[in-house]
Amino acid sequence: MSQKQTLIRGTAILTLTSFCTRFIGFFYRIFLSHTFGEENVGLYQLVFPVYTLGFSLSCAGVQLALSRCVARHTACGEVDKAKELLKTSLLFTFTLSCIIAVFLQHHSATISTVLLHDARCTSLLILLSYAFPFASIHSCICGYSLGLKGTKIPAVSQLIEQAFRVLFVFLVYLYADKQGISVSIVLAVAGLAAGEIFASLYSLMAIYGITFRIPSPALSVHSFLIHFQELFKHALPLTTSRVLLNILQSAEAVSIPLCLQYYGLSVSESLKIYGVLTGMALPCILFPSAITNAVSSMLLPTVAEMQAAQHQKNLRSVIVRVTCYCIFLGSAFGVLLLLSGKWLGIFLFHSELAGQFILTLSWICPFLYTNTVLLSMVNGLGKTFFSFSANFISLCIRIAGVFLFIPQFGILGYLIGLLVSQIVLFSLCLLRLNFYLHT
């Protein structure tokens, strides 16, 4: 199968899977908003920056580095080295994620009161910590599979993670309701951990059946150190950028409700607006990005492989075509959401506010969808520092919107800052890729 066919086939599988999981997640968010209320959804969303920060620190950079390294080694016929890279990444990320989980459990109260400014998040963070070790296993195996251009394990594990998350919460809620037991939004965080547990168990069984059916030599200390050095070289800039960006994103997320209070809203009203924006409107805007996210997952190892093989002409063609397709796709969905945004908010969430947010956010679709793919291609070329710099500039613009515009214009100020940041990120990535294509 040619590289083009592999890319198209893999993208189609990941897109279909992503649409299925987002479809499930869509109704799940509607269920959460109707069951626990908009304020509790805002509380649930408030702990997600901690989750993404822990995930970025433990395994996100390693996953991308593993995918790139595995693609390069398999292109050179070094299959055994690719297997050893997987073992090395699993050992390292699982150990690190366990340390992060223990740290979070011991400092959940401090993080809740000092950083998140809401003591109610303490119990949510304790439950959230159990997801990290299993998420590290899941992410490493998915990174390895994508490096081999395999999409079965990432696709099925994604479905399993989402299905068991929703099923766990729904069944426990039904049981509690029948027993007359009151449940809180803590149940949603427990569901997140349950989904990661089942996804990691499936990933382990699947990769053992595909890759390790024939026994391979145990990973020696010498091999571990060699492969760790290779992974570390690629993962360090990716992890550093992810962690720094997530710290800024966490500051942004925590500051939005606070700045809304400076605008004149109460704590309850600010959490409500934050919950509607991040738990209802943004998932609706991001729903079509399942296509571009799937493309970006397949592009990173593909670009790395083409660069290693010095297929510059094919690489140039892929970059230009994929960029044009993504711009067209984002524009088409932007127009669709612009025309139907208000109706979607009322029909799906029974919230006029969600409809107003969807309508406003529809303008960022062409840039938001394309940026995911552009950054994936930049990382695939090994330009990780530029990727971090562009993301950093974009996020600084968003944070400026939070602190400068929200106290003056309310949540509209943040939405304007978000649009400007995506346009800047889009322009920077295009300029960098254009420079690469003409050198």
Protein backbone atom coordinates (compact mmCIF):
# COMPACT_ATOMS: atom_id res chain seq x y z
CA MET A 1 0.00 0.00 0.00
CA SER A 2 1.38 3.42 -1.01
CA GLN A 3 1.98 6.24 1.46
CA LYS A 4 -0.97 8.16 0.03
CA GLN A 5 -3.31 5.18 0.42
CA THR A 6 -2.03 4.51 3.94
CA LEU A 7 -2.57 8.15 4.90
CA ILE A 8 -6.09 8.23 3.44
CA ARG A 9 -7.08 4.88 4.96
CA GLY A 10 -5.68 5.73 8.39
CA THR A 11 -7.30 9.15 8.34
CA ALA A 12 -10.66 7.65 7.39
CA ILE A 13 -10.53 5.12 10.24
CA LEU A 14 -9.48 7.69 12.84
CA THR A 15 -12.06 10.19 11.55
CA LEU A 16 -14.89 7.68 11.77
CA THR A 17 -13.80 6.69 15.27
CA SER A 18 -13.46 10.28 16.38
CA PHE A 19 -16.91 11.13 15.06
CA CYS A 20 -18.37 8.18 16.96
CA THR A 21 -16.68 9.17 20.22
CA ARG A 22 -17.62 12.81 19.82
CA PHE A 23 -21.20 11.80 19.03
CA ILE A 24 -21.28 9.81 22.27
CA GLY A 25 -19.54 12.64 24.12
CA PHE A 26 -22.03 15.15 22.77
CA PHE A 27 -25.00 13.42 24.34
CA TYR A 28 -22.91 12.75 27.44
CA ARG A 29 -22.35 16.48 27.93
CA ILE A 30 -26.06 17.11 27.42
CA PHE A 31 -26.73 14.45 30.09
CA LEU A 32 -24.24 16.10 32.48
CA SER A 33 -25.69 19.58 31.98
CA HIS A 34 -29.27 18.36 32.54
CA THR A 35 -28.34 16.13 35.49
CA PHE A 36 -25.86 18.25 37.44
CA GLY A 37 -26.56 21.77 36.15
CA GLU A 38 -24.43 24.33 34.35
CA GLU A 39 -22.55 25.43 37.49
CA ASN A 40 -21.40 21.88 38.27
CA VAL A 41 -20.37 21.38 34.66
CA GLY A 42 -18.21 24.48 35.10
CA LEU A 43 -16.71 22.92 38.24
CA TYR A 44 -16.01 19.72 36.29
CA GLN A 45 -14.31 21.70 33.52
CA LEU A 46 -12.23 23.56 36.10
CA VAL A 47 -10.15 20.44 36.94
CA PHE A 48 -9.37 19.63 33.31
CA PRO A 49 -6.35 21.98 33.13
CA VAL A 50 -4.80 19.92 35.96
CA TYR A 51 -5.51 16.75 34.00
CA THR A 52 -3.99 18.07 30.78
CA LEU A 53 -0.99 19.42 32.66
CA GLY A 54 -0.32 16.07 34.32
CA PHE A 55 -0.83 14.24 31.05
CA SER A 56 1.54 16.59 29.23
CA LEU A 57 4.20 16.17 31.90
CA SER A 58 4.00 12.38 32.04
CA CYS A 59 3.40 11.15 28.51
CA ALA A 60 2.15 13.58 25.84
CA GLY A 61 5.64 14.55 24.61
CA VAL A 62 6.84 10.93 24.81
CA GLN A 63 3.87 9.78 22.73
CA LEU A 64 4.72 12.14 19.86
CA ALA A 65 8.46 11.41 20.13
CA LEU A 66 7.79 7.66 20.15
CA SER A 67 5.59 7.92 17.06
CA ARG A 68 8.30 9.84 15.19
CA CYS A 69 11.17 7.54 16.30
CA VAL A 70 9.24 4.35 15.52
CA ALA A 71 8.37 5.68 12.04
CA ARG A 72 12.04 6.44 11.32
CA HIS A 73 13.30 3.04 12.60
CA THR A 74 10.68 0.99 10.74
CA ALA A 75 11.44 2.93 7.55
CA CYS A 76 15.03 1.68 7.97
CA GLY A 77 13.88 -1.90 8.72
CA GLU A 78 14.86 -1.76 12.41
CA VAL A 79 11.73 -3.40 13.85
CA ASP A 80 13.38 -4.71 17.05
CA LYS A 81 14.56 -1.22 17.97
CA ALA A 82 11.00 0.03 17.56
CA LYS A 83 9.79 -2.63 20.04
CA GLU A 84 12.49 -1.68 22.52
CA LEU A 85 11.49 1.96 22.19
CA LEU A 86 7.94 1.01 23.18
CA LYS A 87 9.14 -0.90 26.26
CA THR A 88 11.36 2.00 27.27
CA SER A 89 8.57 4.55 26.93
CA LEU A 90 6.10 2.40 28.89
CA LEU A 91 8.51 1.91 31.77
CA PHE A 92 9.43 5.58 31.97
CA THR A 93 5.97 7.12 31.56
CA PHE A 94 4.23 4.69 33.91
CA THR A 95 6.74 5.41 36.68
CA LEU A 96 6.50 9.17 36.17
CA SER A 97 2.69 9.13 36.05
CA CYS A 98 2.51 7.20 39.33
CA ILE A 99 4.68 9.87 40.96
CA ILE A 100 2.38 12.58 39.60
CA ALA A 101 -0.70 10.71 40.87
CA VAL A 102 0.72 10.44 44.41
CA PHE A 103 1.73 14.11 44.38
CA LEU A 104 -1.75 15.17 43.27
CA GLN A 105 -3.43 13.10 45.99
CA HIS A 106 -1.29 14.65 48.72
CA HIS A 107 -1.67 18.24 47.50
CA SER A 108 -5.22 18.21 46.09
CA ALA A 109 -6.55 20.55 48.80
CA THR A 110 -3.80 23.11 48.24
CA ILE A 111 -4.21 23.00 44.46
CA SER A 112 -7.97 23.42 44.79
CA THR A 113 -7.86 26.44 47.08
CA VAL A 114 -4.71 28.21 45.86
CA LEU A 115 -4.71 27.51 42.11
CA LEU A 116 -8.31 26.67 41.21
CA HIS A 117 -9.83 28.99 43.83
CA ASP A 118 -12.57 26.49 44.69
CA ALA A 119 -12.23 23.99 47.56
CA ARG A 120 -14.95 21.81 46.00
CA CYS A 121 -12.37 20.59 43.48
CA THR A 122 -10.42 18.61 46.11
CA SER A 123 -12.37 15.37 45.82
CA LEU A 124 -12.42 15.70 42.04
CA LEU A 125 -8.62 15.96 41.88
CA ILE A 126 -8.11 12.91 44.12
CA LEU A 127 -10.23 10.75 41.81
CA LEU A 128 -8.62 12.30 38.74
CA SER A 129 -5.15 11.21 39.89
CA TYR A 130 -5.99 7.54 39.34
CA ALA A 131 -6.36 8.14 35.61
CA PHE A 132 -2.71 9.13 34.99
CA PRO A 133 -0.92 5.73 35.20
CA PHE A 134 -3.46 4.14 32.86
CA ALA A 135 -3.43 7.12 30.50
CA SER A 136 0.36 6.76 30.17
CA ILE A 137 0.03 3.12 29.05
CA HIS A 138 -2.74 4.00 26.63
CA SER A 139 -0.89 6.94 25.08
CA CYS A 140 2.43 5.11 24.58
CA ILE A 141 0.80 2.16 22.82
CA CYS A 142 -1.20 4.54 20.61
CA GLY A 143 1.97 6.48 19.76
CA TYR A 144 3.77 3.25 18.85
CA SER A 145 0.85 2.07 16.69
CA LEU A 146 0.64 5.38 14.82
CA GLY A 147 4.39 5.23 14.21
CA LEU A 148 3.77 1.90 12.46
CA LYS A 149 0.87 3.54 10.53
CA GLY A 150 -1.51 1.26 12.41
CA THR A 151 -4.87 2.75 13.39
CA LYS A 152 -6.77 -0.22 14.84
CA ILE A 153 -5.49 0.10 18.42
CA PRO A 154 -5.80 3.93 18.64
CA ALA A 155 -9.27 3.80 17.07
CA VAL A 156 -10.71 0.96 19.16
CA SER A 157 -9.12 2.14 22.40
CA GLN A 158 -10.57 5.61 21.82
CA LEU A 159 -14.03 4.09 21.41
CA ILE A 160 -13.58 1.91 24.49
CA GLU A 161 -12.37 4.84 26.60
CA GLN A 162 -15.37 6.98 25.68
CA ALA A 163 -17.94 4.19 25.86
CA PHE A 164 -16.88 2.94 29.29
CA ARG A 165 -16.62 6.48 30.63
CA VAL A 166 -20.21 7.25 29.67
CA LEU A 167 -21.54 3.80 30.55
CA PHE A 168 -19.95 3.89 34.01
CA VAL A 169 -21.42 7.29 34.87
CA PHE A 170 -24.85 6.46 33.44
CA LEU A 171 -25.19 3.09 35.20
CA VAL A 172 -23.98 4.39 38.56
CA TYR A 173 -26.35 7.35 38.28
CA LEU A 174 -29.31 5.07 37.47
CA TYR A 175 -28.49 2.81 40.41
CA ALA A 176 -28.09 5.75 42.79
CA ASP A 177 -31.32 7.31 41.57
CA LYS A 178 -33.26 4.10 42.18
CA GLN A 179 -31.77 3.82 45.66
CA GLY A 180 -32.55 7.46 46.41
CA ILE A 181 -28.86 8.30 46.75
CA SER A 182 -27.72 11.78 45.74
CA VAL A 183 -24.70 11.90 43.41
CA SER A 184 -22.45 14.84 42.60
CA ILE A 185 -20.26 15.85 39.67
CA VAL A 186 -17.51 13.72 41.28
CA LEU A 187 -19.14 10.82 39.45
CA ALA A 188 -18.13 12.33 36.09
CA VAL A 189 -14.46 12.42 37.15
CA ALA A 190 -14.69 8.80 38.32
CA GLY A 191 -16.03 7.95 34.88
CA LEU A 192 -13.02 9.59 33.26
CA ALA A 193 -10.68 7.38 35.30
CA ALA A 194 -12.77 4.28 34.51
CA GLY A 195 -12.54 4.99 30.77
CA GLU A 196 -8.74 5.25 30.91
CA ILE A 197 -8.49 1.97 32.85
CA PHE A 198 -10.47 -0.02 30.29
CA ALA A 199 -8.70 1.65 27.34
CA SER A 200 -5.26 0.81 28.75
CA LEU A 201 -6.24 -2.83 29.41
CA TYR A 202 -7.44 -3.22 25.83
CA SER A 203 -4.30 -1.54 24.45
CA LEU A 204 -2.04 -3.89 26.42
CA MET A 205 -3.86 -6.99 25.24
CA ALA A 206 -3.99 -5.78 21.63
CA ILE A 207 -0.32 -4.81 21.36
CA TYR A 208 0.74 -8.08 22.97
CA GLY A 209 -1.26 -10.03 20.40
CA ILE A 210 0.07 -8.04 17.44
CA THR A 211 3.67 -7.13 18.29
CA PHE A 212 4.85 -9.54 20.97
CA ARG A 213 3.34 -12.85 19.85
CA ILE A 214 6.88 -13.98 19.11
CA PRO A 215 8.88 -13.64 22.36
CA SER A 216 11.53 -10.93 22.19
CA PRO A 217 14.60 -10.48 24.43
CA ALA A 218 14.04 -8.65 27.69
CA LEU A 219 14.96 -4.97 27.74
CA SER A 220 18.45 -4.64 29.20
CA VAL A 221 19.62 -1.67 31.21
CA HIS A 222 22.03 -0.73 28.42
CA SER A 223 19.28 -0.83 25.77
CA PHE A 224 16.94 1.14 28.04
CA LEU A 225 19.51 3.91 28.47
CA ILE A 226 20.25 4.09 24.73
CA HIS A 227 16.57 4.27 23.76
CA PHE A 228 15.73 6.59 26.62
CA GLN A 229 18.39 8.99 25.35
CA GLU A 230 16.88 8.87 21.86
CA LEU A 231 13.35 9.42 23.15
CA PHE A 232 14.49 12.09 25.59
CA LYS A 233 16.17 14.07 22.81
CA HIS A 234 12.88 14.33 20.90
CA ALA A 235 10.49 14.30 23.86
CA LEU A 236 12.17 17.00 25.95
CA PRO A 237 11.31 19.99 23.72
CA LEU A 238 7.82 18.57 23.09
CA THR A 239 7.18 17.91 26.79
CA THR A 240 8.65 21.26 27.85
CA SER A 241 6.49 23.12 25.36
CA ARG A 242 3.39 21.13 26.30
CA VAL A 243 3.94 21.69 30.03
CA LEU A 244 4.65 25.42 29.70
CA LEU A 245 1.69 25.88 27.39
CA ASN A 246 -0.58 23.90 29.70
CA ILE A 247 0.54 25.98 32.67
CA LEU A 248 -0.50 29.05 30.70
CA GLN A 249 -3.74 27.35 29.64
CA SER A 250 -4.42 26.42 33.26
CA ALA A 251 -3.86 30.03 34.29
CA GLU A 252 -6.19 31.09 31.50
CA ALA A 253 -8.91 28.61 32.52
CA VAL A 254 -8.79 29.56 36.20
CA SER A 255 -8.71 33.28 35.38
CA ILE A 256 -11.81 33.32 33.18
CA PRO A 257 -14.30 32.86 36.06
CA LEU A 258 -12.30 35.29 38.23
CA CYS A 259 -12.22 37.98 35.54
CA LEU A 260 -15.93 37.49 34.94
CA GLN A 261 -16.40 38.32 38.61
CA TYR A 262 -14.36 41.52 38.06
CA TYR A 263 -16.81 42.26 35.24
CA GLY A 264 -19.56 42.23 37.85
CA LEU A 265 -20.92 38.67 37.84
CA SER A 266 -21.40 36.47 40.89
CA VAL A 267 -19.39 33.28 41.50
CA SER A 268 -22.36 31.16 40.41
CA GLU A 269 -22.96 33.21 37.24
CA SER A 270 -19.27 33.17 36.26
CA LEU A 271 -19.04 29.38 36.70
CA LYS A 272 -22.24 29.00 34.71
CA ILE A 273 -20.86 31.01 31.78
CA TYR A 274 -17.55 29.14 31.96
CA GLY A 275 -19.39 25.80 31.98
CA VAL A 276 -21.55 26.75 28.99
CA LEU A 277 -18.51 27.97 27.02
CA THR A 278 -16.13 25.05 27.71
CA GLY A 279 -18.63 22.25 28.32
CA MET A 280 -21.21 23.02 25.62
CA ALA A 281 -20.22 25.61 22.98
CA LEU A 282 -16.57 24.64 22.44
CA PRO A 283 -17.30 20.88 22.09
CA CYS A 284 -19.88 21.79 19.46
CA ILE A 285 -17.34 23.94 17.59
CA LEU A 286 -14.67 21.23 17.88
CA PHE A 287 -16.94 18.39 16.75
CA PRO A 288 -16.02 18.63 13.02
CA SER A 289 -12.32 18.87 13.91
CA ALA A 290 -12.40 15.08 14.30
CA ILE A 291 -11.37 15.01 10.63
CA THR A 292 -8.38 17.32 10.97
CA ASN A 293 -7.29 15.68 14.24
CA ALA A 294 -7.23 12.32 12.47
CA VAL A 295 -5.21 13.83 9.62
CA SER A 296 -2.71 15.33 12.08
CA SER A 297 -2.25 11.97 13.87
CA MET A 298 -1.34 10.26 10.61
CA LEU A 299 0.68 13.18 9.20
CA LEU A 300 3.33 13.38 11.91
CA PRO A 301 4.88 9.93 11.27
CA THR A 302 4.27 10.29 7.51
CA VAL A 303 6.12 13.61 7.32
CA ALA A 304 8.95 12.25 9.49
CA GLU A 305 9.28 9.21 7.22
CA MET A 306 9.30 11.32 4.03
CA GLN A 307 11.89 13.64 5.51
CA ALA A 308 14.09 10.70 6.53
CA ALA A 309 13.81 9.24 3.01
CA GLN A 310 14.46 12.71 1.49
CA HIS A 311 11.31 12.60 -0.65
CA GLN A 312 11.10 16.38 -0.84
CA LYS A 313 8.78 16.54 -3.85
CA ASN A 314 6.20 14.23 -2.28
CA LEU A 315 6.52 16.04 1.04
CA ARG A 316 5.90 19.41 -0.60
CA SER A 317 2.81 18.03 -2.36
CA VAL A 318 1.40 16.60 0.87
CA ILE A 319 1.90 19.85 2.81
CA VAL A 320 0.24 22.03 0.15
CA ARG A 321 -2.72 19.72 -0.53
CA VAL A 322 -3.55 18.95 3.08
CA THR A 323 -3.37 22.63 4.04
CA CYS A 324 -5.77 23.62 1.24
CA TYR A 325 -8.21 20.82 2.12
CA CYS A 326 -8.26 21.85 5.78
CA ILE A 327 -8.86 25.52 4.99
CA PHE A 328 -11.79 24.55 2.76
CA LEU A 329 -13.20 22.18 5.37
CA GLY A 330 -12.93 24.75 8.16
CA SER A 331 -14.59 27.43 6.03
CA ALA A 332 -17.48 25.13 5.11
CA PHE A 333 -18.19 24.16 8.72
CA GLY A 334 -17.73 27.78 9.81
CA VAL A 335 -20.54 28.89 7.48
CA LEU A 336 -22.72 25.98 8.63
CA LEU A 337 -22.26 26.86 12.31
CA LEU A 338 -22.74 30.55 11.57
CA LEU A 339 -26.16 29.79 10.09
CA SER A 340 -27.29 27.23 12.66
CA GLY A 341 -25.41 28.22 15.84
CA LYS A 342 -28.31 29.71 17.80
CA TRP A 343 -30.62 26.83 16.91
CA LEU A 344 -28.01 24.24 17.94
CA GLY A 345 -27.54 25.82 21.37
CA ILE A 346 -31.27 25.76 22.10
CA PHE A 347 -31.97 22.35 20.50
CA LEU A 348 -29.01 20.46 22.02
CA PHE A 349 -28.46 22.19 25.36
CA HIS A 350 -31.66 24.21 25.93
CA SER A 351 -29.38 27.21 26.34
CA GLU A 352 -29.62 30.46 24.42
CA LEU A 353 -26.21 31.41 25.81
CA ALA A 354 -24.63 28.30 24.26
CA GLY A 355 -26.18 29.30 20.92
CA GLN A 356 -24.69 32.78 21.14
CA PHE A 357 -21.25 31.34 21.90
CA ILE A 358 -21.45 28.88 18.99
CA LEU A 359 -22.43 31.70 16.65
CA THR A 360 -19.48 33.85 17.74
CA LEU A 361 -16.97 30.99 17.75
CA SER A 362 -17.92 29.85 14.23
CA TRP A 363 -15.53 32.50 12.84
CA ILE A 364 -12.48 30.65 14.19
CA CYS A 365 -13.26 27.34 12.42
CA PRO A 366 -11.07 27.83 9.30
CA PHE A 367 -8.08 28.70 11.47
CA LEU A 368 -8.74 26.32 14.38
CA TYR A 369 -9.14 23.21 12.22
CA THR A 370 -6.17 23.99 9.98
CA ASN A 371 -3.82 24.88 12.86
CA THR A 372 -3.96 21.34 14.26
CA VAL A 373 -2.66 19.93 10.99
CA LEU A 374 -0.10 22.69 10.43
CA LEU A 375 1.42 22.12 13.88
CA SER A 376 1.53 18.36 13.28
CA MET A 377 3.48 18.89 10.06
CA VAL A 378 5.85 21.32 11.78
CA ASN A 379 6.50 18.75 14.54
CA GLY A 380 6.90 16.00 11.95
CA LEU A 381 9.69 18.03 10.36
CA GLY A 382 11.40 18.20 13.75
CA LYS A 383 10.77 21.95 14.21
CA THR A 384 9.50 21.49 17.76
CA PHE A 385 10.95 24.74 19.10
CA PHE A 386 9.09 26.75 16.47
CA SER A 387 5.90 24.85 17.30
CA PHE A 388 6.31 25.81 20.95
CA SER A 389 7.11 29.45 20.12
CA ALA A 390 4.07 29.82 17.86
CA ASN A 391 1.78 28.21 20.45
CA PHE A 392 3.28 30.40 23.17
CA ILE A 393 2.59 33.61 21.24
CA SER A 394 -0.95 32.49 20.46
CA LEU A 395 -1.67 31.62 24.08
CA CYS A 396 -0.24 34.91 25.34
CA ILE A 397 -2.74 36.71 23.12
CA ARG A 398 -5.55 34.63 24.63
CA ILE A 399 -4.42 35.37 28.17
CA ALA A 400 -4.19 39.06 27.34
CA GLY A 401 -7.80 38.80 26.19
CA VAL A 402 -8.74 37.29 29.56
CA PHE A 403 -7.12 39.94 31.75
CA LEU A 404 -7.58 43.00 29.54
CA PHE A 405 -10.89 42.44 27.76
CA ILE A 406 -13.08 40.28 30.03
CA PRO A 407 -13.21 42.86 32.89
CA GLN A 408 -14.28 45.48 30.31
CA PHE A 409 -16.45 43.55 27.82
CA GLY A 410 -17.34 40.30 29.58
CA ILE A 411 -16.93 36.92 27.93
CA LEU A 412 -17.10 38.56 24.48
CA GLY A 413 -13.63 39.98 25.14
CA TYR A 414 -12.24 36.47 25.58
CA LEU A 415 -13.89 35.22 22.38
CA ILE A 416 -12.32 38.08 20.41
CA GLY A 417 -8.91 37.28 21.89
CA LEU A 418 -9.39 33.61 20.98
CA LEU A 419 -10.12 34.49 17.35
CA VAL A 420 -7.08 36.80 17.08
CA SER A 421 -4.81 34.14 18.64
CA GLN A 422 -5.89 31.49 16.12
CA ILE A 423 -5.30 33.85 13.19
CA VAL A 424 -1.79 34.65 14.46
CA LEU A 425 -0.97 30.95 14.97
CA PHE A 426 -2.27 30.14 11.49
CA SER A 427 -0.12 32.88 9.91
CA LEU A 428 3.06 31.86 11.76
CA CYS A 429 2.73 28.18 10.79
CA LEU A 430 2.05 29.01 7.14
CA LEU A 431 5.10 31.26 6.99
CA ARG A 432 7.34 28.58 8.56
CA LEU A 433 6.17 25.82 6.22
CA ASN A 434 6.47 28.14 3.22
CA PHE A 435 10.04 28.93 4.25
CA TYR A 436 10.83 25.19 4.51
CA LEU A 437 9.34 24.46 1.07
CA HIS A 438 11.47 27.13 -0.60
CA THR A 439 14.85 26.34 0.98
